[in-house]
């Protein structure tokens, strides 16, 4: 039996991942001076692995929102979609991650 990862947990994890990427240079520099944050890096890897089988649009959405720190509104403008469409796709992304992460029993 697998454990279903909660939507709340995924949202919290994504906030942390986004924060890491928004300050990646700072973190990478700090990791040279002090111990790396292995739990954070494992979380990032777990989500990266899950995204490896995502449909192209969801993959792009994850990269744009969480590794490039783009807002949903900014992404909608860049891609020529409505913010409602991007919000709907973001919900699909969260659901995709819940399904993928729950498959692995994480």
PDB file of N, CA and C in Angstrom:
ATOM      1  N   UNK A   1       0.840  -1.188   0.000  1.00  0.00           N
ATOM      2  CA  UNK A   1       0.000   0.000   0.000  1.00  0.00           C
ATOM      3  C   UNK A   1       0.877   1.241   0.000  1.00  0.00           C
ATOM      4  N   UNK A   2       0.567   2.196  -0.845  1.00  0.00           N
ATOM      5  CA  UNK A   2       1.390   3.397  -0.920  1.00  0.00           C
ATOM      6  C   UNK A   2       0.801   4.507  -0.063  1.00  0.00           C
ATOM      7  N   UNK A   3       1.676   5.368   0.389  1.00  0.00           N
ATOM      8  CA  UNK A   3       1.252   6.552   1.120  1.00  0.00           C
ATOM      9  C   UNK A   3       0.965   7.657   0.129  1.00  0.00           C
ATOM     10  N   UNK A   4      -0.207   8.257   0.237  1.00  0.00           N
ATOM     11  CA  UNK A   4      -0.543   9.358  -0.646  1.00  0.00           C
ATOM     12  C   UNK A   4       0.040  10.631  -0.064  1.00  0.00           C
ATOM     13  N   UNK A   5       0.851  11.305  -0.851  1.00  0.00           N
ATOM     14  CA  UNK A   5       1.447  12.565  -0.439  1.00  0.00           C
ATOM     15  C   UNK A   5       0.355  13.628  -0.514  1.00  0.00           C
ATOM     16  N   UNK A   6       0.212  14.416   0.543  1.00  0.00           N
ATOM     17  CA  UNK A   6      -0.854  15.414   0.575  1.00  0.00           C
ATOM     18  C   UNK A   6      -0.542  16.587  -0.354  1.00  0.00           C
ATOM     19  N   UNK A   7      -1.595  17.217  -0.834  1.00  0.00           N
ATOM     20  CA  UNK A   7      -1.435  18.398  -1.666  1.00  0.00           C
ATOM     21  C   UNK A   7      -0.749  19.505  -0.874  1.00  0.00           C
ATOM     22  N   UNK A   8      -1.079  19.614   0.406  1.00  0.00           N
ATOM     23  CA  UNK A   8      -0.449  20.633   1.253  1.00  0.00           C
ATOM     24  C   UNK A   8       1.051  20.410   1.345  1.00  0.00           C
ATOM     25  N   UNK A   9       1.480  19.149   1.462  1.00  0.00           N
ATOM     26  CA  UNK A   9       2.908  18.850   1.544  1.00  0.00           C
ATOM     27  C   UNK A   9       3.606  19.196   0.233  1.00  0.00           C
ATOM     28  N   UNK A  10       2.986  18.879  -0.874  1.00  0.00           N
ATOM     29  CA  UNK A  10       3.565  19.192  -2.172  1.00  0.00           C
ATOM     30  C   UNK A  10       3.720  20.706  -2.325  1.00  0.00           C
ATOM     31  N   UNK A  11       2.706  21.454  -1.946  1.00  0.00           N
ATOM     32  CA  UNK A  11       2.777  22.914  -2.051  1.00  0.00           C
ATOM     33  C   UNK A  11       3.890  23.476  -1.172  1.00  0.00           C
ATOM     34  N   UNK A  12       4.043  22.944   0.026  1.00  0.00           N
ATOM     35  CA  UNK A  12       5.133  23.390   0.913  1.00  0.00           C
ATOM     36  C   UNK A  12       6.491  23.038   0.319  1.00  0.00           C
ATOM     37  N   UNK A  13       6.611  21.833  -0.206  1.00  0.00           N
ATOM     38  CA  UNK A  13       7.867  21.412  -0.832  1.00  0.00           C
ATOM     39  C   UNK A  13       8.208  22.313  -2.017  1.00  0.00           C
ATOM     40  N   UNK A  14       7.207  22.633  -2.828  1.00  0.00           N
ATOM     41  CA  UNK A  14       7.442  23.473  -3.995  1.00  0.00           C
ATOM     42  C   UNK A  14       7.875  24.884  -3.597  1.00  0.00           C
ATOM     43  N   UNK A  15       7.326  25.401  -2.511  1.00  0.00           N
ATOM     44  CA  UNK A  15       7.764  26.707  -2.006  1.00  0.00           C
ATOM     45  C   UNK A  15       9.238  26.658  -1.627  1.00  0.00           C
ATOM     46  N   UNK A  16       9.638  25.578  -0.972  1.00  0.00           N
ATOM     47  CA  UNK A  16      11.029  25.438  -0.563  1.00  0.00           C
ATOM     48  C   UNK A  16      11.949  25.272  -1.775  1.00  0.00           C
ATOM     49  N   UNK A  17      11.504  24.498  -2.749  1.00  0.00           N
ATOM     50  CA  UNK A  17      12.286  24.304  -3.972  1.00  0.00           C
ATOM     51  C   UNK A  17      12.438  25.634  -4.714  1.00  0.00           C
ATOM     52  N   UNK A  18      11.349  26.371  -4.807  1.00  0.00           N
ATOM     53  CA  UNK A  18      11.394  27.676  -5.478  1.00  0.00           C
ATOM     54  C   UNK A  18      12.354  28.614  -4.755  1.00  0.00           C
ATOM     55  N   UNK A  19      12.305  28.617  -3.446  1.00  0.00           N
ATOM     56  CA  UNK A  19      13.197  29.473  -2.672  1.00  0.00           C
ATOM     57  C   UNK A  19      14.653  29.079  -2.918  1.00  0.00           C
ATOM     58  N   UNK A  20      14.920  27.784  -2.910  1.00  0.00           N
ATOM     59  CA  UNK A  20      16.282  27.318  -3.171  1.00  0.00           C
ATOM     60  C   UNK A  20      16.772  27.836  -4.517  1.00  0.00           C
ATOM     61  N   UNK A  21      15.980  27.639  -5.562  1.00  0.00           N
ATOM     62  CA  UNK A  21      16.423  28.056  -6.892  1.00  0.00           C
ATOM     63  C   UNK A  21      16.537  29.571  -7.012  1.00  0.00           C
ATOM     64  N   UNK A  22      15.711  30.312  -6.281  1.00  0.00           N
ATOM     65  CA  UNK A  22      15.812  31.774  -6.336  1.00  0.00           C
ATOM     66  C   UNK A  22      17.098  32.261  -5.678  1.00  0.00           C
ATOM     67  N   UNK A  23      17.688  31.428  -4.824  1.00  0.00           N
ATOM     68  CA  UNK A  23      18.920  31.776  -4.107  1.00  0.00           C
ATOM     69  C   UNK A  23      20.019  30.744  -4.368  1.00  0.00           C
ATOM     70  N   UNK A  24      19.942  30.054  -5.493  1.00  0.00           N
ATOM     71  CA  UNK A  24      20.842  28.935  -5.780  1.00  0.00           C
ATOM     72  C   UNK A  24      22.317  29.310  -5.688  1.00  0.00           C
ATOM     73  N   UNK A  25      22.699  30.420  -6.256  1.00  0.00           N
ATOM     74  CA  UNK A  25      24.113  30.821  -6.205  1.00  0.00           C
ATOM     75  C   UNK A  25      24.563  30.995  -4.757  1.00  0.00           C
ATOM     76  N   UNK A  26      23.708  31.586  -3.951  1.00  0.00           N
ATOM     77  CA  UNK A  26      24.016  31.777  -2.532  1.00  0.00           C
ATOM     78  C   UNK A  26      24.165  30.424  -1.824  1.00  0.00           C
ATOM     79  N   UNK A  27      23.217  29.528  -2.063  1.00  0.00           N
ATOM     80  CA  UNK A  27      23.284  28.195  -1.455  1.00  0.00           C
ATOM     81  C   UNK A  27      24.527  27.447  -1.913  1.00  0.00           C
ATOM     82  N   UNK A  28      24.800  27.466  -3.211  1.00  0.00           N
ATOM     83  CA  UNK A  28      25.956  26.741  -3.740  1.00  0.00           C
ATOM     84  C   UNK A  28      27.253  27.261  -3.132  1.00  0.00           C
ATOM     85  N   UNK A  29      27.343  28.556  -2.949  1.00  0.00           N
ATOM     86  CA  UNK A  29      28.524  29.139  -2.322  1.00  0.00           C
ATOM     87  C   UNK A  29      28.620  28.705  -0.859  1.00  0.00           C
ATOM     88  N   UNK A  30      27.503  28.715  -0.175  1.00  0.00           N
ATOM     89  CA  UNK A  30      27.490  28.308   1.236  1.00  0.00           C
ATOM     90  C   UNK A  30      27.856  26.829   1.382  1.00  0.00           C
ATOM     91  N   UNK A  31      27.423  26.006   0.444  1.00  0.00           N
ATOM     92  CA  UNK A  31      27.721  24.572   0.514  1.00  0.00           C
ATOM     93  C   UNK A  31      29.224  24.304   0.420  1.00  0.00           C
ATOM     94  N   UNK A  32      29.974  25.226  -0.174  1.00  0.00           N
ATOM     95  CA  UNK A  32      31.429  25.085  -0.249  1.00  0.00           C
ATOM     96  C   UNK A  32      32.079  25.366   1.099  1.00  0.00           C
ATOM     97  N   UNK A  33      31.404  26.167   1.926  1.00  0.00           N
ATOM     98  CA  UNK A  33      31.972  26.595   3.192  1.00  0.00           C
ATOM     99  C   UNK A  33      31.462  25.791   4.379  1.00  0.00           C
ATOM    100  N   UNK A  34      30.208  25.384   4.301  1.00  0.00           N
ATOM    101  CA  UNK A  34      29.608  24.580   5.374  1.00  0.00           C
ATOM    102  C   UNK A  34      28.956  23.358   4.746  1.00  0.00           C
ATOM    103  N   UNK A  35      28.492  22.475   5.555  1.00  0.00           N
ATOM    104  CA  UNK A  35      27.876  21.246   5.047  1.00  0.00           C
ATOM    105  C   UNK A  35      26.673  21.571   4.167  1.00  0.00           C
ATOM    106  N   UNK A  36      26.502  20.782   3.127  1.00  0.00           N
ATOM    107  CA  UNK A  36      25.329  20.964   2.278  1.00  0.00           C
ATOM    108  C   UNK A  36      24.092  20.502   3.032  1.00  0.00           C
ATOM    109  N   UNK A  37      22.962  21.012   2.614  1.00  0.00           N
ATOM    110  CA  UNK A  37      21.686  20.656   3.219  1.00  0.00           C
ATOM    111  C   UNK A  37      21.150  19.439   2.466  1.00  0.00           C
ATOM    112  N   UNK A  38      21.552  18.251   2.928  1.00  0.00           N
ATOM    113  CA  UNK A  38      21.221  17.027   2.201  1.00  0.00           C
ATOM    114  C   UNK A  38      19.725  16.782   2.088  1.00  0.00           C
ATOM    115  N   UNK A  39      18.954  17.105   3.116  1.00  0.00           N
ATOM    116  CA  UNK A  39      17.507  16.866   3.031  1.00  0.00           C
ATOM    117  C   UNK A  39      16.874  17.754   1.965  1.00  0.00           C
ATOM    118  N   UNK A  40      17.335  18.978   1.850  1.00  0.00           N
ATOM    119  CA  UNK A  40      16.836  19.871   0.807  1.00  0.00           C
ATOM    120  C   UNK A  40      17.232  19.352  -0.572  1.00  0.00           C
ATOM    121  N   UNK A  41      18.476  18.965  -0.724  1.00  0.00           N
ATOM    122  CA  UNK A  41      18.938  18.463  -2.021  1.00  0.00           C
ATOM    123  C   UNK A  41      18.237  17.169  -2.408  1.00  0.00           C
ATOM    124  N   UNK A  42      17.938  16.315  -1.434  1.00  0.00           N
ATOM    125  CA  UNK A  42      17.189  15.078  -1.718  1.00  0.00           C
ATOM    126  C   UNK A  42      15.770  15.399  -2.169  1.00  0.00           C
ATOM    127  N   UNK A  43      15.157  16.395  -1.545  1.00  0.00           N
ATOM    128  CA  UNK A  43      13.798  16.805  -1.929  1.00  0.00           C
ATOM    129  C   UNK A  43      13.803  17.324  -3.366  1.00  0.00           C
ATOM    130  N   UNK A  44      14.775  18.152  -3.684  1.00  0.00           N
ATOM    131  CA  UNK A  44      14.881  18.693  -5.040  1.00  0.00           C
ATOM    132  C   UNK A  44      15.056  17.560  -6.048  1.00  0.00           C
ATOM    133  N   UNK A  45      15.894  16.596  -5.707  1.00  0.00           N
ATOM    134  CA  UNK A  45      16.116  15.457  -6.610  1.00  0.00           C
ATOM    135  C   UNK A  45      14.852  14.623  -6.776  1.00  0.00           C
ATOM    136  N   UNK A  46      14.124  14.420  -5.688  1.00  0.00           N
ATOM    137  CA  UNK A  46      12.884  13.635  -5.746  1.00  0.00           C
ATOM    138  C   UNK A  46      11.875  14.289  -6.692  1.00  0.00           C
ATOM    139  N   UNK A  47      11.739  15.604  -6.609  1.00  0.00           N
ATOM    140  CA  UNK A  47      10.804  16.307  -7.486  1.00  0.00           C
ATOM    141  C   UNK A  47      11.320  16.333  -8.923  1.00  0.00           C
ATOM    142  N   UNK A  48      12.620  16.488  -9.089  1.00  0.00           N
ATOM    143  CA  UNK A  48      13.206  16.451 -10.434  1.00  0.00           C
ATOM    144  C   UNK A  48      12.962  15.098 -11.086  1.00  0.00           C
ATOM    145  N   UNK A  49      13.145  14.032 -10.318  1.00  0.00           N
ATOM    146  CA  UNK A  49      12.899  12.683 -10.835  1.00  0.00           C
ATOM    147  C   UNK A  49      11.431  12.513 -11.236  1.00  0.00           C
ATOM    148  N   UNK A  50      10.532  13.022 -10.411  1.00  0.00           N
ATOM    149  CA  UNK A  50       9.102  12.913 -10.716  1.00  0.00           C
ATOM    150  C   UNK A  50       8.771  13.648 -12.017  1.00  0.00           C
ATOM    151  N   UNK A  51       9.411  14.784 -12.230  1.00  0.00           N
ATOM    152  CA  UNK A  51       9.128  15.577 -13.426  1.00  0.00           C
ATOM    153  C   UNK A  51       9.708  14.950 -14.684  1.00  0.00           C
ATOM    154  N   UNK A  52      10.571  13.971 -14.528  1.00  0.00           N
ATOM    155  CA  UNK A  52      11.195  13.317 -15.674  1.00  0.00           C
ATOM    156  C   UNK A  52      10.216  12.648 -16.616  1.00  0.00           C
ATOM    157  N   UNK A  53       9.033  12.323 -16.130  1.00  0.00           N
ATOM    158  CA  UNK A  53       8.038  11.685 -17.003  1.00  0.00           C
ATOM    159  C   UNK A  53       6.812  12.574 -17.221  1.00  0.00           C
ATOM    160  N   UNK A  54       6.954  13.849 -16.944  1.00  0.00           N
ATOM    161  CA  UNK A  54       5.826  14.779 -17.095  1.00  0.00           C
ATOM    162  C   UNK A  54       5.584  15.129 -18.558  1.00  0.00           C
ATOM    163  N   UNK A  55       4.329  15.399 -18.900  1.00  0.00           N
ATOM    164  CA  UNK A  55       4.055  15.939 -20.244  1.00  0.00           C
ATOM    165  C   UNK A  55       4.820  17.255 -20.431  1.00  0.00           C
ATOM    166  N   UNK A  56       5.121  17.591 -21.656  1.00  0.00           N
ATOM    167  CA  UNK A  56       5.969  18.738 -21.974  1.00  0.00           C
ATOM    168  C   UNK A  56       5.491  20.043 -21.331  1.00  0.00           C
ATOM    169  N   UNK A  57       4.209  20.330 -21.392  1.00  0.00           N
ATOM    170  CA  UNK A  57       3.732  21.603 -20.847  1.00  0.00           C
ATOM    171  C   UNK A  57       3.902  21.649 -19.330  1.00  0.00           C
ATOM    172  N   UNK A  58       3.607  20.549 -18.653  1.00  0.00           N
ATOM    173  CA  UNK A  58       3.775  20.525 -17.201  1.00  0.00           C
ATOM    174  C   UNK A  58       5.251  20.622 -16.822  1.00  0.00           C
ATOM    175  N   UNK A  59       6.099  19.992 -17.608  1.00  0.00           N
ATOM    176  CA  UNK A  59       7.545  20.074 -17.393  1.00  0.00           C
ATOM    177  C   UNK A  59       8.001  21.533 -17.516  1.00  0.00           C
ATOM    178  N   UNK A  60       7.551  22.186 -18.573  1.00  0.00           N
ATOM    179  CA  UNK A  60       7.886  23.597 -18.794  1.00  0.00           C
ATOM    180  C   UNK A  60       7.346  24.464 -17.658  1.00  0.00           C
ATOM    181  N   UNK A  61       6.149  24.183 -17.224  1.00  0.00           N
ATOM    182  CA  UNK A  61       5.536  24.931 -16.127  1.00  0.00           C
ATOM    183  C   UNK A  61       6.364  24.804 -14.850  1.00  0.00           C
ATOM    184  N   UNK A  62       6.783  23.584 -14.530  1.00  0.00           N
ATOM    185  CA  UNK A  62       7.610  23.348 -13.344  1.00  0.00           C
ATOM    186  C   UNK A  62       8.922  24.136 -13.439  1.00  0.00           C
ATOM    187  N   UNK A  63       9.584  24.031 -14.573  1.00  0.00           N
ATOM    188  CA  UNK A  63      10.845  24.755 -14.755  1.00  0.00           C
ATOM    189  C   UNK A  63      10.631  26.256 -14.604  1.00  0.00           C
ATOM    190  N   UNK A  64       9.641  26.767 -15.278  1.00  0.00           N
ATOM    191  CA  UNK A  64       9.392  28.214 -15.269  1.00  0.00           C
ATOM    192  C   UNK A  64       9.029  28.733 -13.890  1.00  0.00           C
ATOM    193  N   UNK A  65       8.127  28.032 -13.214  1.00  0.00           N
ATOM    194  CA  UNK A  65       7.654  28.521 -11.919  1.00  0.00           C
ATOM    195  C   UNK A  65       8.611  28.240 -10.776  1.00  0.00           C
ATOM    196  N   UNK A  66       9.252  27.089 -10.809  1.00  0.00           N
ATOM    197  CA  UNK A  66      10.012  26.669  -9.624  1.00  0.00           C
ATOM    198  C   UNK A  66      11.523  26.745  -9.767  1.00  0.00           C
ATOM    199  N   UNK A  67      12.049  26.660 -10.970  1.00  0.00           N
ATOM    200  CA  UNK A  67      13.505  26.796 -11.083  1.00  0.00           C
ATOM    201  C   UNK A  67      13.898  28.164 -11.633  1.00  0.00           C
ATOM    202  N   UNK A  68      12.998  28.799 -12.394  1.00  0.00           N
ATOM    203  CA  UNK A  68      13.290  30.118 -12.952  1.00  0.00           C
ATOM    204  C   UNK A  68      12.562  31.233 -12.209  1.00  0.00           C
ATOM    205  N   UNK A  69      11.771  30.875 -11.192  1.00  0.00           N
ATOM    206  CA  UNK A  69      11.106  31.830 -10.298  1.00  0.00           C
ATOM    207  C   UNK A  69      10.160  32.785 -11.018  1.00  0.00           C
ATOM    208  N   UNK A  70       9.514  32.297 -12.049  1.00  0.00           N
ATOM    209  CA  UNK A  70       8.536  33.092 -12.786  1.00  0.00           C
ATOM    210  C   UNK A  70       7.191  33.004 -12.063  1.00  0.00           C
ATOM    211  N   UNK A  71       6.397  34.056 -12.159  1.00  0.00           N
ATOM    212  CA  UNK A  71       5.050  34.005 -11.590  1.00  0.00           C
ATOM    213  C   UNK A  71       4.096  33.408 -12.623  1.00  0.00           C
ATOM    214  N   UNK A  72       2.935  32.964 -12.158  1.00  0.00           N
ATOM    215  CA  UNK A  72       1.937  32.442 -13.090  1.00  0.00           C
ATOM    216  C   UNK A  72       1.497  33.534 -14.058  1.00  0.00           C
ATOM    217  N   UNK A  73       1.333  34.738 -13.560  1.00  0.00           N
ATOM    218  CA  UNK A  73       0.922  35.846 -14.425  1.00  0.00           C
ATOM    219  C   UNK A  73       2.006  36.171 -15.451  1.00  0.00           C
ATOM    220  N   UNK A  74       3.243  36.216 -15.017  1.00  0.00           N
ATOM    221  CA  UNK A  74       4.344  36.488 -15.936  1.00  0.00           C
ATOM    222  C   UNK A  74       4.482  35.406 -16.990  1.00  0.00           C
ATOM    223  N   UNK A  75       4.321  34.149 -16.568  1.00  0.00           N
ATOM    224  CA  UNK A  75       4.405  33.042 -17.514  1.00  0.00           C
ATOM    225  C   UNK A  75       3.266  33.104 -18.530  1.00  0.00           C
ATOM    226  N   UNK A  76       2.064  33.420 -18.045  1.00  0.00           N
ATOM    227  CA  UNK A  76       0.918  33.553 -18.950  1.00  0.00           C
ATOM    228  C   UNK A  76       1.210  34.603 -20.019  1.00  0.00           C
ATOM    229  N   UNK A  77       1.767  35.728 -19.603  1.00  0.00           N
ATOM    230  CA  UNK A  77       2.110  36.787 -20.558  1.00  0.00           C
ATOM    231  C   UNK A  77       3.184  36.326 -21.530  1.00  0.00           C
ATOM    232  N   UNK A  78       4.205  35.650 -21.031  1.00  0.00           N
ATOM    233  CA  UNK A  78       5.303  35.179 -21.879  1.00  0.00           C
ATOM    234  C   UNK A  78       4.829  34.163 -22.917  1.00  0.00           C
ATOM    235  N   UNK A  79       3.907  33.300 -22.516  1.00  0.00           N
ATOM    236  CA  UNK A  79       3.457  32.226 -23.403  1.00  0.00           C
ATOM    237  C   UNK A  79       2.206  32.577 -24.205  1.00  0.00           C
ATOM    238  N   UNK A  80       1.577  33.701 -23.876  1.00  0.00           N
ATOM    239  CA  UNK A  80       0.378  34.101 -24.601  1.00  0.00           C
ATOM    240  C   UNK A  80      -0.876  33.359 -24.174  1.00  0.00           C
ATOM    241  N   UNK A  81      -0.907  32.904 -22.915  1.00  0.00           N
ATOM    242  CA  UNK A  81      -2.084  32.240 -22.367  1.00  0.00           C
ATOM    243  C   UNK A  81      -2.724  33.131 -21.308  1.00  0.00           C
ATOM    244  N   UNK A  82      -3.953  32.832 -20.969  1.00  0.00           N
ATOM    245  CA  UNK A  82      -4.597  33.557 -19.878  1.00  0.00           C
ATOM    246  C   UNK A  82      -4.047  33.052 -18.550  1.00  0.00           C
ATOM    247  N   UNK A  83      -4.145  33.873 -17.534  1.00  0.00           N
ATOM    248  CA  UNK A  83      -3.715  33.440 -16.205  1.00  0.00           C
ATOM    249  C   UNK A  83      -4.605  32.317 -15.699  1.00  0.00           C
ATOM    250  N   UNK A  84      -5.852  32.301 -16.128  1.00  0.00           N
ATOM    251  CA  UNK A  84      -6.768  31.225 -15.742  1.00  0.00           C
ATOM    252  C   UNK A  84      -6.263  29.893 -16.295  1.00  0.00           C
ATOM    253  N   UNK A  85      -5.797  29.903 -17.530  1.00  0.00           N
ATOM    254  CA  UNK A  85      -5.271  28.676 -18.148  1.00  0.00           C
ATOM    255  C   UNK A  85      -4.027  28.193 -17.403  1.00  0.00           C
ATOM    256  N   UNK A  86      -3.128  29.111 -17.101  1.00  0.00           N
ATOM    257  CA  UNK A  86      -1.902  28.736 -16.391  1.00  0.00           C
ATOM    258  C   UNK A  86      -2.250  28.226 -14.995  1.00  0.00           C
ATOM    259  N   UNK A  87      -3.206  28.855 -14.336  1.00  0.00           N
ATOM    260  CA  UNK A  87      -3.636  28.395 -13.014  1.00  0.00           C
ATOM    261  C   UNK A  87      -4.206  26.985 -13.090  1.00  0.00           C
ATOM    262  N   UNK A  88      -5.002  26.712 -14.127  1.00  0.00           N
ATOM    263  CA  UNK A  88      -5.569  25.374 -14.321  1.00  0.00           C
ATOM    264  C   UNK A  88      -4.458  24.357 -14.564  1.00  0.00           C
ATOM    265  N   UNK A  89      -3.483  24.721 -15.383  1.00  0.00           N
ATOM    266  CA  UNK A  89      -2.356  23.822 -15.649  1.00  0.00           C
ATOM    267  C   UNK A  89      -1.508  23.621 -14.395  1.00  0.00           C
ATOM    268  N   UNK A  90      -1.410  24.640 -13.565  1.00  0.00           N
ATOM    269  CA  UNK A  90      -0.664  24.512 -12.315  1.00  0.00           C
ATOM    270  C   UNK A  90      -1.352  23.485 -11.401  1.00  0.00           C
ATOM    271  N   UNK A  91      -2.666  23.513 -11.372  1.00  0.00           N
ATOM    272  CA  UNK A  91      -3.402  22.508 -10.598  1.00  0.00           C
ATOM    273  C   UNK A  91      -3.126  21.109 -11.138  1.00  0.00           C
ATOM    274  N   UNK A  92      -3.050  20.984 -12.458  1.00  0.00           N
ATOM    275  CA  UNK A  92      -2.700  19.693 -13.065  1.00  0.00           C
ATOM    276  C   UNK A  92      -1.286  19.276 -12.668  1.00  0.00           C
ATOM    277  N   UNK A  93      -0.384  20.241 -12.616  1.00  0.00           N
ATOM    278  CA  UNK A  93       0.994  19.949 -12.200  1.00  0.00           C
ATOM    279  C   UNK A  93       1.032  19.416 -10.769  1.00  0.00           C
ATOM    280  N   UNK A  94       0.317  20.056  -9.880  1.00  0.00           N
ATOM    281  CA  UNK A  94       0.266  19.616  -8.483  1.00  0.00           C
ATOM    282  C   UNK A  94      -0.317  18.203  -8.402  1.00  0.00           C
ATOM    283  N   UNK A  95      -1.373  17.942  -9.157  1.00  0.00           N
ATOM    284  CA  UNK A  95      -1.992  16.612  -9.173  1.00  0.00           C
ATOM    285  C   UNK A  95      -1.037  15.576  -9.757  1.00  0.00           C
ATOM    286  N   UNK A  96      -0.345  15.944 -10.823  1.00  0.00           N
ATOM    287  CA  UNK A  96       0.644  15.049 -11.425  1.00  0.00           C
ATOM    288  C   UNK A  96       1.706  14.680 -10.391  1.00  0.00           C
ATOM    289  N   UNK A  97       2.219  15.678  -9.690  1.00  0.00           N
ATOM    290  CA  UNK A  97       3.243  15.422  -8.673  1.00  0.00           C
ATOM    291  C   UNK A  97       2.698  14.550  -7.550  1.00  0.00           C
ATOM    292  N   UNK A  98       1.474  14.792  -7.142  1.00  0.00           N
ATOM    293  CA  UNK A  98       0.889  13.958  -6.091  1.00  0.00           C
ATOM    294  C   UNK A  98       0.828  12.501  -6.553  1.00  0.00           C
ATOM    295  N   UNK A  99       0.395  12.285  -7.771  1.00  0.00           N
ATOM    296  CA  UNK A  99       0.312  10.910  -8.300  1.00  0.00           C
ATOM    297  C   UNK A  99       1.682  10.278  -8.398  1.00  0.00           C
ATOM    298  N   UNK A 100       2.661  10.987  -8.951  1.00  0.00           N
ATOM    299  CA  UNK A 100       4.008  10.447  -9.125  1.00  0.00           C
ATOM    300  C   UNK A 100       4.684  10.167  -7.778  1.00  0.00           C
ATOM    301  N   UNK A 101       4.583  11.108  -6.861  1.00  0.00           N
ATOM    302  CA  UNK A 101       5.247  10.949  -5.573  1.00  0.00           C
ATOM    303  C   UNK A 101       4.566   9.877  -4.720  1.00  0.00           C
ATOM    304  N   UNK A 102       3.273   9.716  -4.904  1.00  0.00           N
ATOM    305  CA  UNK A 102       2.556   8.677  -4.159  1.00  0.00           C
ATOM    306  C   UNK A 102       2.863   7.292  -4.707  1.00  0.00           C
ATOM    307  N   UNK A 103       3.144   7.206  -6.014  1.00  0.00           N
ATOM    308  CA  UNK A 103       3.527   5.920  -6.617  1.00  0.00           C
ATOM    309  C   UNK A 103       4.745   5.338  -5.929  1.00  0.00           C
ATOM    310  N   UNK A 104       5.701   6.207  -5.643  1.00  0.00           N
ATOM    311  CA  UNK A 104       6.957   5.769  -5.053  1.00  0.00           C
ATOM    312  C   UNK A 104       6.874   5.535  -3.559  1.00  0.00           C
ATOM    313  N   UNK A 105       5.725   5.838  -2.974  1.00  0.00           N
ATOM    314  CA  UNK A 105       5.580   5.645  -1.541  1.00  0.00           C
ATOM    315  C   UNK A 105       6.336   6.663  -0.714  1.00  0.00           C
ATOM    316  N   UNK A 106       6.645   7.818  -1.304  1.00  0.00           N
ATOM    317  CA  UNK A 106       7.382   8.867  -0.595  1.00  0.00           C
ATOM    318  C   UNK A 106       6.472   9.735   0.216  1.00  0.00           C
TER     319      UNK A 106
END
